[in-house]
Amino acid sequence: MKRALAALLSVALIAWLFFHAWVIVHLVRSEVMPALDAGSFDIQTNSRILNILWEGNELYWLIAAHATLVLILAVAVTRLARYAMRGGRQLSAA
């Protein structure tokens, strides 16, 4: 039962991971790439995301937060998948 729940949670975390990766790609393509094409890292536009107005270079903080979350989710998915495949042994670093 624990193995099945771990596998199900792993699949759900993969979906969440892909969503946040998509957000990163979308922000980079729509906001960062036009700034780079203009020859600068300085973002001149404002974006309203989740009812918050992100002004200019604040978007880099948002991208960094999503990238950190993607890395954390990738580690969690890996650990849960290992747990599900090993037959329910304890989660350990070894």
PDB file of N, CA and C in Angstrom:
ATOM      1  N   MET A   1       0.819  -1.194   0.000  1.00  0.00           N
ATOM      2  CA  MET A   1       0.000   0.000   0.000  1.00  0.00           C
ATOM      3  C   MET A   1       0.865   1.262   0.000  1.00  0.00           C
ATOM      4  N   LYS A   2       1.938   1.239   0.819  1.00  0.00           N
ATOM      5  CA  LYS A   2       2.825   2.390   0.868  1.00  0.00           C
ATOM      6  C   LYS A   2       3.530   2.607  -0.461  1.00  0.00           C
ATOM      7  N   ARG A   3       3.881   1.519  -1.137  1.00  0.00           N
ATOM      8  CA  ARG A   3       4.544   1.633  -2.434  1.00  0.00           C
ATOM      9  C   ARG A   3       3.615   2.279  -3.448  1.00  0.00           C
ATOM     10  N   ALA A   4       2.350   1.904  -3.431  1.00  0.00           N
ATOM     11  CA  ALA A   4       1.392   2.467  -4.385  1.00  0.00           C
ATOM     12  C   ALA A   4       1.171   3.952  -4.116  1.00  0.00           C
ATOM     13  N   LEU A   5       1.086   4.311  -2.843  1.00  0.00           N
ATOM     14  CA  LEU A   5       0.919   5.724  -2.515  1.00  0.00           C
ATOM     15  C   LEU A   5       2.155   6.535  -2.894  1.00  0.00           C
ATOM     16  N   ALA A   6       3.322   5.961  -2.691  1.00  0.00           N
ATOM     17  CA  ALA A   6       4.553   6.647  -3.075  1.00  0.00           C
ATOM     18  C   ALA A   6       4.615   6.836  -4.587  1.00  0.00           C
ATOM     19  N   ALA A   7       4.208   5.827  -5.338  1.00  0.00           N
ATOM     20  CA  ALA A   7       4.199   5.932  -6.798  1.00  0.00           C
ATOM     21  C   ALA A   7       3.183   6.973  -7.263  1.00  0.00           C
ATOM     22  N   LEU A   8       2.007   6.996  -6.652  1.00  0.00           N
ATOM     23  CA  LEU A   8       0.983   7.967  -7.007  1.00  0.00           C
ATOM     24  C   LEU A   8       1.434   9.386  -6.673  1.00  0.00           C
ATOM     25  N   LEU A   9       2.035   9.561  -5.518  1.00  0.00           N
ATOM     26  CA  LEU A   9       2.546  10.873  -5.139  1.00  0.00           C
ATOM     27  C   LEU A   9       3.676  11.310  -6.066  1.00  0.00           C
ATOM     28  N   SER A  10       4.496  10.374  -6.484  1.00  0.00           N
ATOM     29  CA  SER A  10       5.574  10.676  -7.415  1.00  0.00           C
ATOM     30  C   SER A  10       5.020  11.185  -8.746  1.00  0.00           C
ATOM     31  N   VAL A  11       3.980  10.560  -9.243  1.00  0.00           N
ATOM     32  CA  VAL A  11       3.346  11.004 -10.499  1.00  0.00           C
ATOM     33  C   VAL A  11       2.734  12.397 -10.332  1.00  0.00           C
ATOM     34  N   ALA A  12       2.095  12.633  -9.194  1.00  0.00           N
ATOM     35  CA  ALA A  12       1.505  13.953  -8.951  1.00  0.00           C
ATOM     36  C   ALA A  12       2.596  15.020  -8.869  1.00  0.00           C
ATOM     37  N   LEU A  13       3.716  14.715  -8.231  1.00  0.00           N
ATOM     38  CA  LEU A  13       4.813  15.671  -8.139  1.00  0.00           C
ATOM     39  C   LEU A  13       5.455  15.918  -9.501  1.00  0.00           C
ATOM     40  N   ILE A  14       5.477  14.898 -10.353  1.00  0.00           N
ATOM     41  CA  ILE A  14       5.993  15.093 -11.712  1.00  0.00           C
ATOM     42  C   ILE A  14       5.117  16.096 -12.462  1.00  0.00           C
ATOM     43  N   ALA A  15       3.803  15.989 -12.308  1.00  0.00           N
ATOM     44  CA  ALA A  15       2.904  16.944 -12.961  1.00  0.00           C
ATOM     45  C   ALA A  15       3.139  18.351 -12.435  1.00  0.00           C
ATOM     46  N   TRP A  16       3.321  18.491 -11.139  1.00  0.00           N
ATOM     47  CA  TRP A  16       3.575  19.801 -10.534  1.00  0.00           C
ATOM     48  C   TRP A  16       4.915  20.352 -11.015  1.00  0.00           C
ATOM     49  N   LEU A  17       5.922  19.453 -11.108  1.00  0.00           N
ATOM     50  CA  LEU A  17       7.237  19.848 -11.602  1.00  0.00           C
ATOM     51  C   LEU A  17       7.129  20.372 -13.033  1.00  0.00           C
ATOM     52  N   PHE A  18       6.401  19.674 -13.901  1.00  0.00           N
ATOM     53  CA  PHE A  18       6.259  20.111 -15.284  1.00  0.00           C
ATOM     54  C   PHE A  18       5.532  21.449 -15.379  1.00  0.00           C
ATOM     55  N   PHE A  19       4.576  21.689 -14.514  1.00  0.00           N
ATOM     56  CA  PHE A  19       3.888  22.972 -14.520  1.00  0.00           C
ATOM     57  C   PHE A  19       4.863  24.109 -14.219  1.00  0.00           C
ATOM     58  N   HIS A  20       5.671  23.941 -13.189  1.00  0.00           N
ATOM     59  CA  HIS A  20       6.611  25.000 -12.817  1.00  0.00           C
ATOM     60  C   HIS A  20       7.713  25.162 -13.871  1.00  0.00           C
ATOM     61  N   ALA A  21       8.115  24.065 -14.491  1.00  0.00           N
ATOM     62  CA  ALA A  21       9.082  24.166 -15.586  1.00  0.00           C
ATOM     63  C   ALA A  21       8.471  24.923 -16.755  1.00  0.00           C
ATOM     64  N   TRP A  22       7.192  24.689 -17.028  1.00  0.00           N
ATOM     65  CA  TRP A  22       6.503  25.421 -18.096  1.00  0.00           C
ATOM     66  C   TRP A  22       6.441  26.913 -17.775  1.00  0.00           C
ATOM     67  N   VAL A  23       6.192  27.260 -16.522  1.00  0.00           N
ATOM     68  CA  VAL A  23       6.164  28.672 -16.118  1.00  0.00           C
ATOM     69  C   VAL A  23       7.518  29.315 -16.377  1.00  0.00           C
ATOM     70  N   ILE A  24       8.604  28.619 -16.052  1.00  0.00           N
ATOM     71  CA  ILE A  24       9.940  29.153 -16.296  1.00  0.00           C
ATOM     72  C   ILE A  24      10.152  29.393 -17.783  1.00  0.00           C
ATOM     73  N   VAL A  25       9.821  28.409 -18.595  1.00  0.00           N
ATOM     74  CA  VAL A  25      10.005  28.536 -20.047  1.00  0.00           C
ATOM     75  C   VAL A  25       9.160  29.679 -20.591  1.00  0.00           C
ATOM     76  N   HIS A  26       7.930  29.793 -20.132  1.00  0.00           N
ATOM     77  CA  HIS A  26       7.053  30.861 -20.600  1.00  0.00           C
ATOM     78  C   HIS A  26       7.604  32.239 -20.235  1.00  0.00           C
ATOM     79  N   LEU A  27       8.049  32.413 -19.011  1.00  0.00           N
ATOM     80  CA  LEU A  27       8.601  33.700 -18.593  1.00  0.00           C
ATOM     81  C   LEU A  27       9.876  34.048 -19.353  1.00  0.00           C
ATOM     82  N   VAL A  28      10.709  33.070 -19.560  1.00  0.00           N
ATOM     83  CA  VAL A  28      11.954  33.337 -20.289  1.00  0.00           C
ATOM     84  C   VAL A  28      11.649  33.714 -21.733  1.00  0.00           C
ATOM     85  N   ARG A  29      10.734  32.976 -22.367  1.00  0.00           N
ATOM     86  CA  ARG A  29      10.423  33.269 -23.774  1.00  0.00           C
ATOM     87  C   ARG A  29       9.688  34.586 -23.939  1.00  0.00           C
ATOM     88  N   SER A  30       8.809  34.927 -23.026  1.00  0.00           N
ATOM     89  CA  SER A  30       7.991  36.126 -23.225  1.00  0.00           C
ATOM     90  C   SER A  30       8.595  37.393 -22.635  1.00  0.00           C
ATOM     91  N   GLU A  31       9.436  37.285 -21.634  1.00  0.00           N
ATOM     92  CA  GLU A  31       9.963  38.470 -20.963  1.00  0.00           C
ATOM     93  C   GLU A  31      11.481  38.622 -21.082  1.00  0.00           C
ATOM     94  N   VAL A  32      12.219  37.548 -20.859  1.00  0.00           N
ATOM     95  CA  VAL A  32      13.677  37.651 -20.827  1.00  0.00           C
ATOM     96  C   VAL A  32      14.266  37.699 -22.245  1.00  0.00           C
ATOM     97  N   MET A  33      13.801  36.855 -23.140  1.00  0.00           N
ATOM     98  CA  MET A  33      14.359  36.816 -24.491  1.00  0.00           C
ATOM     99  C   MET A  33      14.207  38.143 -25.241  1.00  0.00           C
ATOM    100  N   PRO A  34      13.055  38.830 -25.157  1.00  0.00           N
ATOM    101  CA  PRO A  34      12.996  40.150 -25.814  1.00  0.00           C
ATOM    102  C   PRO A  34      14.016  41.142 -25.256  1.00  0.00           C
ATOM    103  N   ALA A  35      14.283  41.076 -23.957  1.00  0.00           N
ATOM    104  CA  ALA A  35      15.289  41.959 -23.371  1.00  0.00           C
ATOM    105  C   ALA A  35      16.684  41.595 -23.879  1.00  0.00           C
ATOM    106  N   LEU A  36      16.960  40.291 -23.979  1.00  0.00           N
ATOM    107  CA  LEU A  36      18.258  39.869 -24.486  1.00  0.00           C
ATOM    108  C   LEU A  36      18.420  40.236 -25.961  1.00  0.00           C
ATOM    109  N   ASP A  37      17.338  40.130 -26.729  1.00  0.00           N
ATOM    110  CA  ASP A  37      17.394  40.518 -28.141  1.00  0.00           C
ATOM    111  C   ASP A  37      17.685  42.004 -28.297  1.00  0.00           C
ATOM    112  N   ALA A  38      17.243  42.801 -27.334  1.00  0.00           N
ATOM    113  CA  ALA A  38      17.511  44.239 -27.365  1.00  0.00           C
ATOM    114  C   ALA A  38      18.929  44.555 -26.883  1.00  0.00           C
ATOM    115  N   GLY A  39      19.656  43.534 -26.421  1.00  0.00           N
ATOM    116  CA  GLY A  39      21.039  43.723 -26.018  1.00  0.00           C
ATOM    117  C   GLY A  39      21.245  44.047 -24.556  1.00  0.00           C
ATOM    118  N   SER A  40      20.289  43.664 -23.693  1.00  0.00           N
ATOM    119  CA  SER A  40      20.393  43.997 -22.283  1.00  0.00           C
ATOM    120  C   SER A  40      19.736  42.906 -21.446  1.00  0.00           C
ATOM    121  N   PHE A  41      20.173  42.796 -20.203  1.00  0.00           N
ATOM    122  CA  PHE A  41      19.501  41.899 -19.258  1.00  0.00           C
ATOM    123  C   PHE A  41      18.374  42.617 -18.532  1.00  0.00           C
ATOM    124  N   ASP A  42      18.231  43.896 -18.745  1.00  0.00           N
ATOM    125  CA  ASP A  42      17.245  44.722 -18.055  1.00  0.00           C
ATOM    126  C   ASP A  42      15.863  44.537 -18.693  1.00  0.00           C
ATOM    127  N   ILE A  43      14.912  44.021 -17.927  1.00  0.00           N
ATOM    128  CA  ILE A  43      13.550  43.818 -18.417  1.00  0.00           C
ATOM    129  C   ILE A  43      12.768  45.107 -18.185  1.00  0.00           C
ATOM    130  N   GLN A  44      12.181  45.641 -19.233  1.00  0.00           N
ATOM    131  CA  GLN A  44      11.495  46.926 -19.157  1.00  0.00           C
ATOM    132  C   GLN A  44       9.987  46.796 -18.960  1.00  0.00           C
ATOM    133  N   THR A  45       9.433  45.600 -19.073  1.00  0.00           N
ATOM    134  CA  THR A  45       7.989  45.427 -18.997  1.00  0.00           C
ATOM    135  C   THR A  45       7.544  45.074 -17.582  1.00  0.00           C
ATOM    136  N   ASN A  46       6.258  45.251 -17.340  1.00  0.00           N
ATOM    137  CA  ASN A  46       5.627  44.830 -16.094  1.00  0.00           C
ATOM    138  C   ASN A  46       4.696  43.672 -16.411  1.00  0.00           C
ATOM    139  N   SER A  47       4.622  42.700 -15.517  1.00  0.00           N
ATOM    140  CA  SER A  47       3.768  41.538 -15.727  1.00  0.00           C
ATOM    141  C   SER A  47       2.916  41.316 -14.493  1.00  0.00           C
ATOM    142  N   ARG A  48       1.648  41.054 -14.706  1.00  0.00           N
ATOM    143  CA  ARG A  48       0.762  40.717 -13.603  1.00  0.00           C
ATOM    144  C   ARG A  48       0.625  39.197 -13.590  1.00  0.00           C
ATOM    145  N   ILE A  49       1.179  38.596 -12.541  1.00  0.00           N
ATOM    146  CA  ILE A  49       1.151  37.147 -12.386  1.00  0.00           C
ATOM    147  C   ILE A  49       0.574  36.851 -11.014  1.00  0.00           C
ATOM    148  N   LEU A  50      -0.490  36.064 -10.985  1.00  0.00           N
ATOM    149  CA  LEU A  50      -1.177  35.719  -9.745  1.00  0.00           C
ATOM    150  C   LEU A  50      -1.561  36.968  -8.955  1.00  0.00           C
ATOM    151  N   ASN A  51      -2.065  37.953  -9.672  1.00  0.00           N
ATOM    152  CA  ASN A  51      -2.575  39.199  -9.106  1.00  0.00           C
ATOM    153  C   ASN A  51      -1.493  40.022  -8.405  1.00  0.00           C
ATOM    154  N   ILE A  52      -0.241  39.790  -8.771  1.00  0.00           N
ATOM    155  CA  ILE A  52       0.880  40.576  -8.257  1.00  0.00           C
ATOM    156  C   ILE A  52       1.552  41.229  -9.448  1.00  0.00           C
ATOM    157  N   LEU A  53       1.837  42.496  -9.356  1.00  0.00           N
ATOM    158  CA  LEU A  53       2.508  43.212 -10.434  1.00  0.00           C
ATOM    159  C   LEU A  53       4.016  43.059 -10.256  1.00  0.00           C
ATOM    160  N   TRP A  54       4.636  42.321 -11.156  1.00  0.00           N
ATOM    161  CA  TRP A  54       6.076  42.105 -11.143  1.00  0.00           C
ATOM    162  C   TRP A  54       6.689  43.130 -12.086  1.00  0.00           C
ATOM    163  N   GLU A  55       7.483  44.013 -11.552  1.00  0.00           N
ATOM    164  CA  GLU A  55       8.027  45.115 -12.329  1.00  0.00           C
ATOM    165  C   GLU A  55       9.464  44.827 -12.747  1.00  0.00           C
ATOM    166  N   GLY A  56       9.681  44.829 -14.040  1.00  0.00           N
ATOM    167  CA  GLY A  56      11.024  44.728 -14.598  1.00  0.00           C
ATOM    168  C   GLY A  56      11.804  43.524 -14.119  1.00  0.00           C
ATOM    169  N   ASN A  57      12.959  43.789 -13.503  1.00  0.00           N
ATOM    170  CA  ASN A  57      13.882  42.725 -13.131  1.00  0.00           C
ATOM    171  C   ASN A  57      13.432  41.888 -11.939  1.00  0.00           C
ATOM    172  N   GLU A  58      12.307  42.213 -11.328  1.00  0.00           N
ATOM    173  CA  GLU A  58      11.755  41.353 -10.274  1.00  0.00           C
ATOM    174  C   GLU A  58      11.392  39.978 -10.831  1.00  0.00           C
ATOM    175  N   LEU A  59      11.187  39.898 -12.132  1.00  0.00           N
ATOM    176  CA  LEU A  59      10.860  38.613 -12.749  1.00  0.00           C
ATOM    177  C   LEU A  59      11.994  37.605 -12.600  1.00  0.00           C
ATOM    178  N   TYR A  60      13.223  38.085 -12.508  1.00  0.00           N
ATOM    179  CA  TYR A  60      14.336  37.165 -12.292  1.00  0.00           C
ATOM    180  C   TYR A  60      14.201  36.455 -10.950  1.00  0.00           C
ATOM    181  N   TRP A  61      13.696  37.149  -9.927  1.00  0.00           N
ATOM    182  CA  TRP A  61      13.447  36.513  -8.625  1.00  0.00           C
ATOM    183  C   TRP A  61      12.367  35.442  -8.743  1.00  0.00           C
ATOM    184  N   LEU A  62      11.338  35.744  -9.522  1.00  0.00           N
ATOM    185  CA  LEU A  62      10.265  34.769  -9.722  1.00  0.00           C
ATOM    186  C   LEU A  62      10.779  33.536 -10.461  1.00  0.00           C
ATOM    187  N   ILE A  63      11.592  33.748 -11.479  1.00  0.00           N
ATOM    188  CA  ILE A  63      12.172  32.627 -12.217  1.00  0.00           C
ATOM    189  C   ILE A  63      13.079  31.809 -11.294  1.00  0.00           C
ATOM    190  N   ALA A  64      13.869  32.467 -10.463  1.00  0.00           N
ATOM    191  CA  ALA A  64      14.748  31.757  -9.529  1.00  0.00           C
ATOM    192  C   ALA A  64      13.946  30.946  -8.518  1.00  0.00           C
ATOM    193  N   ALA A  65      12.847  31.490  -8.043  1.00  0.00           N
ATOM    194  CA  ALA A  65      12.004  30.762  -7.087  1.00  0.00           C
ATOM    195  C   ALA A  65      11.408  29.519  -7.738  1.00  0.00           C
ATOM    196  N   HIS A  66      10.940  29.660  -8.970  1.00  0.00           N
ATOM    197  CA  HIS A  66      10.384  28.498  -9.673  1.00  0.00           C
ATOM    198  C   HIS A  66      11.470  27.467  -9.969  1.00  0.00           C
ATOM    199  N   ALA A  67      12.671  27.907 -10.316  1.00  0.00           N
ATOM    200  CA  ALA A  67      13.765  26.979 -10.585  1.00  0.00           C
ATOM    201  C   ALA A  67      14.144  26.210  -9.321  1.00  0.00           C
ATOM    202  N   THR A  68      14.164  26.896  -8.185  1.00  0.00           N
ATOM    203  CA  THR A  68      14.450  26.228  -6.916  1.00  0.00           C
ATOM    204  C   THR A  68      13.382  25.182  -6.604  1.00  0.00           C
ATOM    205  N   LEU A  69      12.132  25.542  -6.821  1.00  0.00           N
ATOM    206  CA  LEU A  69      11.048  24.600  -6.582  1.00  0.00           C
ATOM    207  C   LEU A  69      11.137  23.400  -7.515  1.00  0.00           C
ATOM    208  N   VAL A  70      11.515  23.613  -8.770  1.00  0.00           N
ATOM    209  CA  VAL A  70      11.682  22.501  -9.708  1.00  0.00           C
ATOM    210  C   VAL A  70      12.777  21.558  -9.224  1.00  0.00           C
ATOM    211  N   LEU A  71      13.883  22.089  -8.732  1.00  0.00           N
ATOM    212  CA  LEU A  71      14.957  21.236  -8.219  1.00  0.00           C
ATOM    213  C   LEU A  71      14.515  20.438  -6.994  1.00  0.00           C
ATOM    214  N   ILE A  72      13.815  21.077  -6.093  1.00  0.00           N
ATOM    215  CA  ILE A  72      13.310  20.383  -4.902  1.00  0.00           C
ATOM    216  C   ILE A  72      12.342  19.278  -5.302  1.00  0.00           C
ATOM    217  N   LEU A  73      11.451  19.579  -6.242  1.00  0.00           N
ATOM    218  CA  LEU A  73      10.495  18.571  -6.697  1.00  0.00           C
ATOM    219  C   LEU A  73      11.199  17.417  -7.401  1.00  0.00           C
ATOM    220  N   ALA A  74      12.247  17.703  -8.160  1.00  0.00           N
ATOM    221  CA  ALA A  74      12.981  16.638  -8.843  1.00  0.00           C
ATOM    222  C   ALA A  74      13.622  15.688  -7.833  1.00  0.00           C
ATOM    223  N   VAL A  75      14.180  16.229  -6.769  1.00  0.00           N
ATOM    224  CA  VAL A  75      14.773  15.383  -5.725  1.00  0.00           C
ATOM    225  C   VAL A  75      13.685  14.553  -5.039  1.00  0.00           C
ATOM    226  N   ALA A  76      12.557  15.170  -4.749  1.00  0.00           N
ATOM    227  CA  ALA A  76      11.458  14.446  -4.090  1.00  0.00           C
ATOM    228  C   ALA A  76      10.913  13.336  -4.981  1.00  0.00           C
ATOM    229  N   VAL A  77      10.763  13.621  -6.267  1.00  0.00           N
ATOM    230  CA  VAL A  77      10.273  12.596  -7.194  1.00  0.00           C
ATOM    231  C   VAL A  77      11.253  11.432  -7.255  1.00  0.00           C
ATOM    232  N   THR A  78      12.537  11.745  -7.331  1.00  0.00           N
ATOM    233  CA  THR A  78      13.551  10.687  -7.388  1.00  0.00           C
ATOM    234  C   THR A  78      13.514   9.818  -6.145  1.00  0.00           C
ATOM    235  N   ARG A  79      13.437  10.440  -4.991  1.00  0.00           N
ATOM    236  CA  ARG A  79      13.416   9.662  -3.743  1.00  0.00           C
ATOM    237  C   ARG A  79      12.142   8.826  -3.620  1.00  0.00           C
ATOM    238  N   LEU A  80      11.002   9.406  -3.988  1.00  0.00           N
ATOM    239  CA  LEU A  80       9.748   8.639  -3.904  1.00  0.00           C
ATOM    240  C   LEU A  80       9.716   7.498  -4.917  1.00  0.00           C
ATOM    241  N   ALA A  81      10.240   7.724  -6.113  1.00  0.00           N
ATOM    242  CA  ALA A  81      10.268   6.664  -7.120  1.00  0.00           C
ATOM    243  C   ALA A  81      11.169   5.525  -6.681  1.00  0.00           C
ATOM    244  N   ARG A  82      12.314   5.860  -6.089  1.00  0.00           N
ATOM    245  CA  ARG A  82      13.198   4.822  -5.554  1.00  0.00           C
ATOM    246  C   ARG A  82      12.504   4.022  -4.468  1.00  0.00           C
ATOM    247  N   TYR A  83      11.826   4.725  -3.573  1.00  0.00           N
ATOM    248  CA  TYR A  83      11.108   4.067  -2.480  1.00  0.00           C
ATOM    249  C   TYR A  83      10.045   3.123  -3.044  1.00  0.00           C
ATOM    250  N   ALA A  84       9.314   3.584  -4.055  1.00  0.00           N
ATOM    251  CA  ALA A  84       8.250   2.756  -4.633  1.00  0.00           C
ATOM    252  C   ALA A  84       8.814   1.542  -5.351  1.00  0.00           C
ATOM    253  N   MET A  85       9.971   1.679  -5.985  1.00  0.00           N
ATOM    254  CA  MET A  85      10.534   0.565  -6.756  1.00  0.00           C
ATOM    255  C   MET A  85      11.298  -0.434  -5.899  1.00  0.00           C
ATOM    256  N   ARG A  86      11.825  -0.003  -4.770  1.00  0.00           N
ATOM    257  CA  ARG A  86      12.621  -0.893  -3.932  1.00  0.00           C
ATOM    258  C   ARG A  86      11.789  -1.764  -3.015  1.00  0.00           C
ATOM    259  N   GLY A  87      10.520  -1.642  -3.052  1.00  0.00           N
ATOM    260  CA  GLY A  87       9.696  -2.504  -2.237  1.00  0.00           C
ATOM    261  C   GLY A  87       9.392  -1.956  -0.868  1.00  0.00           C
ATOM    262  N   GLY A  88       9.421  -0.668  -0.697  1.00  0.00           N
ATOM    263  CA  GLY A  88       9.015  -0.077   0.562  1.00  0.00           C
ATOM    264  C   GLY A  88      10.086  -0.027   1.616  1.00  0.00           C
ATOM    265  N   ARG A  89      11.352  -0.167   1.212  1.00  0.00           N
ATOM    266  CA  ARG A  89      12.428  -0.019   2.196  1.00  0.00           C
ATOM    267  C   ARG A  89      12.488   1.411   2.662  1.00  0.00           C
ATOM    268  N   GLN A  90      13.206   1.658   3.712  1.00  0.00           N
ATOM    269  CA  GLN A  90      13.277   2.991   4.285  1.00  0.00           C
ATOM    270  C   GLN A  90      13.940   3.968   3.321  1.00  0.00           C
ATOM    271  N   LEU A  91      13.498   5.230   3.396  1.00  0.00           N
ATOM    272  CA  LEU A  91      14.142   6.287   2.637  1.00  0.00           C
ATOM    273  C   LEU A  91      15.460   6.606   3.312  1.00  0.00           C
ATOM    274  N   SER A  92      16.565   6.428   2.614  1.00  0.00           N
ATOM    275  CA  SER A  92      17.870   6.735   3.197  1.00  0.00           C
ATOM    276  C   SER A  92      18.776   7.305   2.121  1.00  0.00           C
ATOM    277  N   ALA A  93      19.845   7.927   2.548  1.00  0.00           N
ATOM    278  CA  ALA A  93      20.779   8.525   1.606  1.00  0.00           C
ATOM    279  C   ALA A  93      21.639   7.475   0.926  1.00  0.00           C
ATOM    280  N   ALA A  94      21.782   6.308   1.502  1.00  0.00           N
ATOM    281  CA  ALA A  94      22.651   5.271   0.938  1.00  0.00           C
ATOM    282  C   ALA A  94      21.976   4.448  -0.113  1.00  0.00           C
TER     283      ALA A  94
END
